Amino acid sequence: MEEKQSKQPNPEQEVIRQSLLEFHSALLKLHKALIESERVVYEREVGPIKSPNHFFQLLTSEPWFAWLRPISQLIVAIDETLDAKEPLTNASLDALMTHSVFLLVPAKGGENFAERYLAALQRDPRVVLAHAQVAKRIGSGKPPA
């Protein structure tokens, strides 16, 4: 006899999931805008990128692009949270949102990520627009208790 536990998420979990999915989508768009913006700067200062494969190699191994890893890791953390077998909770949503705020609030004199992120915001309107969408999603989560 096979025992299946097909627990349906409750309405609160569905709201949390939807908030997280919307945030994830906005974060992916920001990540893409940052990558494209940084590619332009790299090609202007270092030289042309020969192919998509070459670009992928640069993204994964070139120190120039290493500052983007924290945002990539945040996206992975959201993916893992969405894929987890445990039910989504306000605490898990709040933890991801708090991490996002600390990462994405531009600060002068901060770490390498903060400096490079601030520079991208100052030079590229696409990054500003994508940042605004992420900030909107951060603010749309359930207020902390």
N, C-alpha and C. Protein backbone atom coordinates (compact mmCIF):
# COMPACT_ATOMS: atom_id res chain seq x y z
N MET A 1 0.83 -1.17 0.00
CA MET A 1 0.00 0.00 0.00
C MET A 1 0.89 1.24 0.00
N GLU A 2 0.73 2.08 -1.00
CA GLU A 2 1.55 3.28 -1.12
C GLU A 2 0.86 4.44 -0.44
N GLU A 3 1.62 5.11 0.40
CA GLU A 3 1.06 6.24 1.13
C GLU A 3 1.57 7.52 0.49
N LYS A 4 0.63 8.30 -0.03
CA LYS A 4 1.00 9.57 -0.66
C LYS A 4 0.59 10.71 0.24
N GLN A 5 1.50 11.64 0.37
CA GLN A 5 1.19 12.84 1.12
C GLN A 5 1.13 13.99 0.14
N SER A 6 -0.02 14.20 -0.42
CA SER A 6 -0.18 15.30 -1.36
C SER A 6 -0.81 16.47 -0.63
N LYS A 7 -0.03 17.04 0.27
CA LYS A 7 -0.51 18.17 1.04
C LYS A 7 -0.65 19.37 0.12
N GLN A 8 -1.84 19.88 0.09
CA GLN A 8 -2.07 21.10 -0.67
C GLN A 8 -1.64 22.28 0.18
N PRO A 9 -0.95 23.25 -0.43
CA PRO A 9 -0.56 24.43 0.34
C PRO A 9 -1.81 25.20 0.77
N ASN A 10 -1.73 25.77 1.95
CA ASN A 10 -2.86 26.58 2.41
C ASN A 10 -2.80 27.95 1.73
N PRO A 11 -3.86 28.73 1.83
CA PRO A 11 -3.89 30.02 1.14
C PRO A 11 -2.74 30.96 1.52
N GLU A 12 -2.35 30.93 2.78
CA GLU A 12 -1.23 31.78 3.21
C GLU A 12 0.07 31.36 2.51
N GLN A 13 0.29 30.05 2.41
CA GLN A 13 1.49 29.57 1.73
C GLN A 13 1.47 29.94 0.24
N GLU A 14 0.29 29.91 -0.36
CA GLU A 14 0.17 30.31 -1.77
C GLU A 14 0.52 31.78 -1.96
N VAL A 15 0.10 32.63 -1.03
CA VAL A 15 0.43 34.06 -1.09
C VAL A 15 1.94 34.24 -0.96
N ILE A 16 2.54 33.52 -0.03
CA ILE A 16 4.00 33.59 0.16
C ILE A 16 4.71 33.12 -1.10
N ARG A 17 4.26 32.00 -1.65
CA ARG A 17 4.86 31.45 -2.86
C ARG A 17 4.77 32.45 -4.02
N GLN A 18 3.59 33.04 -4.19
CA GLN A 18 3.41 34.01 -5.27
C GLN A 18 4.32 35.22 -5.09
N SER A 19 4.43 35.71 -3.86
CA SER A 19 5.34 36.84 -3.58
C SER A 19 6.78 36.47 -3.92
N LEU A 20 7.16 35.27 -3.55
CA LEU A 20 8.53 34.81 -3.81
C LEU A 20 8.77 34.62 -5.31
N LEU A 21 7.78 34.11 -6.02
CA LEU A 21 7.91 33.94 -7.48
C LEU A 21 8.04 35.30 -8.19
N GLU A 22 7.25 36.26 -7.76
CA GLU A 22 7.33 37.60 -8.35
C GLU A 22 8.69 38.24 -8.06
N PHE A 23 9.15 38.07 -6.83
CA PHE A 23 10.46 38.60 -6.46
C PHE A 23 11.56 37.92 -7.27
N HIS A 24 11.46 36.62 -7.41
CA HIS A 24 12.44 35.84 -8.18
C HIS A 24 12.49 36.34 -9.62
N SER A 25 11.35 36.55 -10.23
CA SER A 25 11.29 37.03 -11.61
C SER A 25 11.95 38.41 -11.74
N ALA A 26 11.64 39.30 -10.83
CA ALA A 26 12.24 40.64 -10.86
C ALA A 26 13.75 40.56 -10.65
N LEU A 27 14.18 39.68 -9.75
CA LEU A 27 15.61 39.52 -9.48
C LEU A 27 16.35 38.96 -10.70
N LEU A 28 15.73 38.03 -11.42
CA LEU A 28 16.33 37.50 -12.64
C LEU A 28 16.52 38.60 -13.68
N LYS A 29 15.53 39.48 -13.80
CA LYS A 29 15.63 40.60 -14.76
C LYS A 29 16.75 41.56 -14.35
N LEU A 30 16.88 41.81 -13.05
CA LEU A 30 17.97 42.65 -12.57
C LEU A 30 19.31 42.00 -12.85
N HIS A 31 19.41 40.71 -12.58
CA HIS A 31 20.65 39.96 -12.82
C HIS A 31 21.04 40.07 -14.30
N LYS A 32 20.06 39.88 -15.18
CA LYS A 32 20.33 39.97 -16.61
C LYS A 32 20.78 41.37 -17.00
N ALA A 33 20.12 42.39 -16.47
CA ALA A 33 20.51 43.77 -16.78
C ALA A 33 21.93 44.06 -16.30
N LEU A 34 22.27 43.55 -15.11
CA LEU A 34 23.62 43.75 -14.59
C LEU A 34 24.66 43.05 -15.46
N ILE A 35 24.36 41.83 -15.88
CA ILE A 35 25.29 41.08 -16.73
C ILE A 35 25.49 41.81 -18.05
N GLU A 36 24.40 42.25 -18.66
CA GLU A 36 24.51 42.96 -19.94
C GLU A 36 25.27 44.27 -19.79
N SER A 37 25.00 44.99 -18.72
CA SER A 37 25.69 46.25 -18.47
C SER A 37 27.18 46.03 -18.25
N GLU A 38 27.50 45.03 -17.47
CA GLU A 38 28.90 44.73 -17.18
C GLU A 38 29.63 44.22 -18.43
N ARG A 39 28.92 43.54 -19.28
CA ARG A 39 29.51 43.06 -20.54
C ARG A 39 29.96 44.24 -21.40
N VAL A 40 29.12 45.26 -21.48
CA VAL A 40 29.46 46.45 -22.27
C VAL A 40 30.73 47.10 -21.73
N VAL A 41 30.82 47.24 -20.42
CA VAL A 41 32.00 47.84 -19.80
C VAL A 41 33.23 46.97 -20.04
N TYR A 42 33.08 45.67 -19.88
CA TYR A 42 34.20 44.75 -20.10
C TYR A 42 34.72 44.87 -21.54
N GLU A 43 33.81 44.85 -22.49
CA GLU A 43 34.23 44.92 -23.89
C GLU A 43 34.89 46.26 -24.22
N ARG A 44 34.43 47.32 -23.59
CA ARG A 44 35.02 48.64 -23.82
C ARG A 44 36.42 48.73 -23.21
N GLU A 45 36.60 48.14 -22.03
CA GLU A 45 37.86 48.29 -21.32
C GLU A 45 38.86 47.17 -21.55
N VAL A 46 38.38 45.95 -21.83
CA VAL A 46 39.27 44.80 -21.96
C VAL A 46 39.36 44.33 -23.41
N GLY A 47 38.23 44.21 -24.06
CA GLY A 47 38.22 43.73 -25.44
C GLY A 47 36.95 42.95 -25.73
N PRO A 48 36.74 42.63 -26.99
CA PRO A 48 35.51 41.94 -27.38
C PRO A 48 35.40 40.53 -26.80
N ILE A 49 34.15 40.15 -26.56
CA ILE A 49 33.84 38.79 -26.14
C ILE A 49 33.46 38.05 -27.41
N LYS A 50 34.17 36.95 -27.69
CA LYS A 50 34.10 36.30 -29.00
C LYS A 50 32.85 35.47 -29.26
N SER A 51 32.25 34.90 -28.21
CA SER A 51 31.11 34.01 -28.42
C SER A 51 30.33 33.87 -27.11
N PRO A 52 29.12 33.31 -27.19
CA PRO A 52 28.38 33.06 -25.95
C PRO A 52 29.14 32.12 -25.00
N ASN A 53 29.83 31.14 -25.55
CA ASN A 53 30.61 30.22 -24.72
C ASN A 53 31.75 30.96 -24.02
N HIS A 54 32.42 31.83 -24.74
CA HIS A 54 33.48 32.65 -24.16
C HIS A 54 32.92 33.51 -23.04
N PHE A 55 31.75 34.10 -23.28
CA PHE A 55 31.12 34.94 -22.27
C PHE A 55 30.77 34.12 -21.03
N PHE A 56 30.25 32.92 -21.22
CA PHE A 56 29.92 32.06 -20.10
C PHE A 56 31.18 31.75 -19.28
N GLN A 57 32.27 31.45 -19.97
CA GLN A 57 33.54 31.19 -19.27
C GLN A 57 33.96 32.41 -18.46
N LEU A 58 33.82 33.58 -19.05
CA LEU A 58 34.18 34.80 -18.33
C LEU A 58 33.30 34.99 -17.09
N LEU A 59 32.01 34.78 -17.26
CA LEU A 59 31.08 34.95 -16.14
C LEU A 59 31.41 34.03 -14.97
N THR A 60 31.86 32.83 -15.28
CA THR A 60 32.10 31.86 -14.23
C THR A 60 33.52 31.87 -13.67
N SER A 61 34.47 32.45 -14.41
CA SER A 61 35.85 32.35 -13.93
C SER A 61 36.64 33.66 -13.92
N GLU A 62 36.21 34.65 -14.64
CA GLU A 62 36.95 35.91 -14.73
C GLU A 62 36.68 36.77 -13.49
N PRO A 63 37.72 37.21 -12.80
CA PRO A 63 37.53 38.05 -11.61
C PRO A 63 36.69 39.32 -11.89
N TRP A 64 36.73 39.81 -13.11
CA TRP A 64 35.96 41.00 -13.48
C TRP A 64 34.48 40.83 -13.12
N PHE A 65 33.95 39.65 -13.34
CA PHE A 65 32.53 39.38 -13.13
C PHE A 65 32.21 38.76 -11.77
N ALA A 66 33.23 38.52 -10.95
CA ALA A 66 33.03 37.84 -9.67
C ALA A 66 32.09 38.60 -8.74
N TRP A 67 32.03 39.90 -8.86
CA TRP A 67 31.18 40.68 -7.97
C TRP A 67 29.70 40.36 -8.15
N LEU A 68 29.33 39.73 -9.27
CA LEU A 68 27.93 39.37 -9.53
C LEU A 68 27.50 38.10 -8.78
N ARG A 69 28.44 37.38 -8.23
CA ARG A 69 28.11 36.10 -7.59
C ARG A 69 27.12 36.21 -6.43
N PRO A 70 27.20 37.24 -5.58
CA PRO A 70 26.22 37.30 -4.49
C PRO A 70 24.77 37.35 -4.99
N ILE A 71 24.52 38.04 -6.07
CA ILE A 71 23.15 38.08 -6.59
C ILE A 71 22.78 36.73 -7.21
N SER A 72 23.74 36.08 -7.84
CA SER A 72 23.50 34.73 -8.37
C SER A 72 23.17 33.76 -7.24
N GLN A 73 23.89 33.88 -6.14
CA GLN A 73 23.67 33.01 -4.98
C GLN A 73 22.30 33.27 -4.34
N LEU A 74 21.87 34.53 -4.36
CA LEU A 74 20.55 34.85 -3.84
C LEU A 74 19.46 34.20 -4.70
N ILE A 75 19.63 34.23 -6.00
CA ILE A 75 18.68 33.59 -6.91
C ILE A 75 18.63 32.09 -6.63
N VAL A 76 19.78 31.47 -6.44
CA VAL A 76 19.82 30.04 -6.13
C VAL A 76 19.12 29.76 -4.79
N ALA A 77 19.34 30.61 -3.81
CA ALA A 77 18.69 30.42 -2.51
C ALA A 77 17.16 30.48 -2.64
N ILE A 78 16.68 31.38 -3.49
CA ILE A 78 15.24 31.47 -3.71
C ILE A 78 14.75 30.21 -4.43
N ASP A 79 15.50 29.77 -5.44
CA ASP A 79 15.13 28.53 -6.14
C ASP A 79 15.03 27.36 -5.15
N GLU A 80 16.01 27.24 -4.28
CA GLU A 80 16.03 26.15 -3.31
C GLU A 80 14.86 26.26 -2.34
N THR A 81 14.52 27.47 -1.94
CA THR A 81 13.39 27.67 -1.04
C THR A 81 12.08 27.28 -1.73
N LEU A 82 11.95 27.67 -2.99
CA LEU A 82 10.73 27.32 -3.73
C LEU A 82 10.62 25.82 -3.97
N ASP A 83 11.75 25.15 -4.14
CA ASP A 83 11.76 23.71 -4.43
C ASP A 83 11.75 22.83 -3.18
N ALA A 84 11.93 23.43 -2.02
CA ALA A 84 12.01 22.65 -0.78
C ALA A 84 10.69 21.94 -0.49
N LYS A 85 10.80 20.82 0.17
CA LYS A 85 9.60 20.05 0.54
C LYS A 85 8.87 20.68 1.73
N GLU A 86 9.61 21.44 2.53
CA GLU A 86 8.99 22.10 3.68
C GLU A 86 8.06 23.21 3.17
N PRO A 87 6.98 23.44 3.90
CA PRO A 87 6.06 24.50 3.49
C PRO A 87 6.72 25.88 3.61
N LEU A 88 6.35 26.76 2.72
CA LEU A 88 6.86 28.13 2.78
C LEU A 88 6.25 28.85 3.97
N THR A 89 7.08 29.63 4.63
CA THR A 89 6.60 30.38 5.80
C THR A 89 6.96 31.84 5.64
N ASN A 90 6.30 32.67 6.42
CA ASN A 90 6.65 34.09 6.43
C ASN A 90 8.10 34.28 6.88
N ALA A 91 8.58 33.43 7.76
CA ALA A 91 9.96 33.53 8.25
C ALA A 91 10.95 33.30 7.11
N SER A 92 10.68 32.31 6.25
CA SER A 92 11.60 32.05 5.13
C SER A 92 11.55 33.20 4.12
N LEU A 93 10.36 33.73 3.89
CA LEU A 93 10.22 34.88 2.98
C LEU A 93 10.94 36.09 3.56
N ASP A 94 10.72 36.36 4.84
CA ASP A 94 11.36 37.50 5.49
C ASP A 94 12.88 37.39 5.47
N ALA A 95 13.41 36.18 5.68
CA ALA A 95 14.86 35.99 5.66
C ALA A 95 15.44 36.32 4.29
N LEU A 96 14.78 35.86 3.23
CA LEU A 96 15.27 36.15 1.88
C LEU A 96 15.15 37.64 1.56
N MET A 97 14.08 38.25 1.97
CA MET A 97 13.89 39.68 1.72
C MET A 97 14.92 40.51 2.48
N THR A 98 15.18 40.13 3.72
CA THR A 98 16.18 40.85 4.52
C THR A 98 17.56 40.72 3.88
N HIS A 99 17.91 39.52 3.45
CA HIS A 99 19.18 39.32 2.75
C HIS A 99 19.25 40.19 1.50
N SER A 100 18.15 40.28 0.79
CA SER A 100 18.08 41.08 -0.43
C SER A 100 18.31 42.55 -0.15
N VAL A 101 17.69 43.03 0.92
CA VAL A 101 17.85 44.44 1.28
C VAL A 101 19.31 44.74 1.57
N PHE A 102 19.95 43.89 2.37
CA PHE A 102 21.36 44.13 2.69
C PHE A 102 22.24 44.06 1.45
N LEU A 103 21.87 43.23 0.50
CA LEU A 103 22.66 43.09 -0.72
C LEU A 103 22.42 44.23 -1.69
N LEU A 104 21.16 44.61 -1.88
CA LEU A 104 20.80 45.50 -2.97
C LEU A 104 20.64 46.97 -2.62
N VAL A 105 20.80 47.32 -1.35
CA VAL A 105 20.76 48.73 -1.00
C VAL A 105 22.16 49.28 -1.24
N PRO A 106 22.28 50.11 -2.29
CA PRO A 106 23.61 50.62 -2.63
C PRO A 106 24.20 51.45 -1.49
N ALA A 107 25.46 51.17 -1.20
CA ALA A 107 26.14 51.90 -0.13
C ALA A 107 27.52 52.31 -0.61
N LYS A 108 27.82 53.56 -0.44
CA LYS A 108 29.16 54.02 -0.79
C LYS A 108 30.14 53.51 0.25
N GLY A 109 31.33 53.16 -0.22
CA GLY A 109 32.37 52.71 0.69
C GLY A 109 32.13 51.30 1.22
N GLY A 110 31.23 50.58 0.58
CA GLY A 110 30.94 49.22 1.03
C GLY A 110 31.88 48.23 0.37
N GLU A 111 31.43 46.99 0.36
CA GLU A 111 32.21 45.91 -0.25
C GLU A 111 32.27 46.10 -1.76
N ASN A 112 33.01 45.23 -2.42
CA ASN A 112 33.15 45.27 -3.87
C ASN A 112 31.78 45.21 -4.56
N PHE A 113 30.87 44.34 -4.08
CA PHE A 113 29.55 44.25 -4.69
C PHE A 113 28.85 45.60 -4.63
N ALA A 114 28.82 46.22 -3.45
CA ALA A 114 28.12 47.48 -3.27
C ALA A 114 28.69 48.56 -4.19
N GLU A 115 30.00 48.64 -4.29
CA GLU A 115 30.63 49.65 -5.14
C GLU A 115 30.28 49.43 -6.61
N ARG A 116 30.40 48.19 -7.06
CA ARG A 116 30.13 47.88 -8.47
C ARG A 116 28.64 48.03 -8.79
N TYR A 117 27.79 47.66 -7.84
CA TYR A 117 26.35 47.78 -8.04
C TYR A 117 25.96 49.25 -8.15
N LEU A 118 26.50 50.07 -7.28
CA LEU A 118 26.24 51.51 -7.33
C LEU A 118 26.71 52.09 -8.66
N ALA A 119 27.87 51.67 -9.13
CA ALA A 119 28.39 52.15 -10.42
C ALA A 119 27.45 51.74 -11.57
N ALA A 120 26.94 50.51 -11.52
CA ALA A 120 26.00 50.04 -12.55
C ALA A 120 24.72 50.85 -12.52
N LEU A 121 24.23 51.17 -11.33
CA LEU A 121 23.03 51.99 -11.20
C LEU A 121 23.25 53.39 -11.77
N GLN A 122 24.44 53.92 -11.60
CA GLN A 122 24.73 55.27 -12.07
C GLN A 122 24.94 55.34 -13.58
N ARG A 123 25.35 54.25 -14.21
CA ARG A 123 25.67 54.31 -15.64
C ARG A 123 24.58 53.74 -16.55
N ASP A 124 23.67 52.91 -16.02
CA ASP A 124 22.78 52.18 -16.91
C ASP A 124 21.32 52.27 -16.46
N PRO A 125 20.49 52.98 -17.23
CA PRO A 125 19.09 53.12 -16.86
C PRO A 125 18.34 51.78 -16.81
N ARG A 126 18.77 50.78 -17.58
CA ARG A 126 18.12 49.46 -17.52
C ARG A 126 18.30 48.83 -16.14
N VAL A 127 19.47 49.04 -15.56
CA VAL A 127 19.73 48.52 -14.21
C VAL A 127 18.86 49.26 -13.20
N VAL A 128 18.71 50.58 -13.38
CA VAL A 128 17.86 51.36 -12.47
C VAL A 128 16.42 50.86 -12.51
N LEU A 129 15.90 50.64 -13.72
CA LEU A 129 14.52 50.16 -13.85
C LEU A 129 14.35 48.77 -13.24
N ALA A 130 15.30 47.88 -13.48
CA ALA A 130 15.22 46.53 -12.92
C ALA A 130 15.35 46.58 -11.40
N HIS A 131 16.23 47.45 -10.90
CA HIS A 131 16.39 47.63 -9.45
C HIS A 131 15.07 48.10 -8.83
N ALA A 132 14.40 49.02 -9.50
CA ALA A 132 13.13 49.54 -8.99
C ALA A 132 12.09 48.43 -8.87
N GLN A 133 12.06 47.52 -9.84
CA GLN A 133 11.11 46.41 -9.78
C GLN A 133 11.43 45.45 -8.64
N VAL A 134 12.70 45.22 -8.40
CA VAL A 134 13.10 44.37 -7.27
C VAL A 134 12.73 45.05 -5.96
N ALA A 135 13.04 46.35 -5.86
CA ALA A 135 12.73 47.09 -4.64
C ALA A 135 11.23 47.08 -4.37
N LYS A 136 10.44 47.20 -5.41
CA LYS A 136 8.98 47.15 -5.27
C LYS A 136 8.54 45.80 -4.72
N ARG A 137 9.16 44.72 -5.19
CA ARG A 137 8.80 43.38 -4.72
C ARG A 137 9.27 43.16 -3.28
N ILE A 138 10.40 43.73 -2.92
CA ILE A 138 10.87 43.60 -1.54
C ILE A 138 9.84 44.24 -0.61
N GLY A 139 9.32 45.37 -1.02
CA GLY A 139 8.34 46.07 -0.21
C GLY A 139 6.96 45.46 -0.24
N SER A 140 6.70 44.55 -1.18
CA SER A 140 5.35 43.99 -1.30
C SER A 140 5.13 42.73 -0.47
N GLY A 141 6.20 42.24 0.14
CA GLY A 141 6.06 41.06 1.00
C GLY A 141 5.26 41.40 2.25
N LYS A 142 4.84 40.39 2.95
CA LYS A 142 4.10 40.59 4.20
C LYS A 142 4.97 41.36 5.18
N PRO A 143 4.46 42.40 5.79
CA PRO A 143 5.28 43.15 6.75
C PRO A 143 5.77 42.25 7.89
N PRO A 144 7.00 42.49 8.35
CA PRO A 144 7.52 41.67 9.45
C PRO A 144 6.63 41.78 10.68
N ALA A 145 6.50 40.68 11.38
CA ALA A 145 5.64 40.66 12.59
C ALA A 145 6.33 41.35 13.75
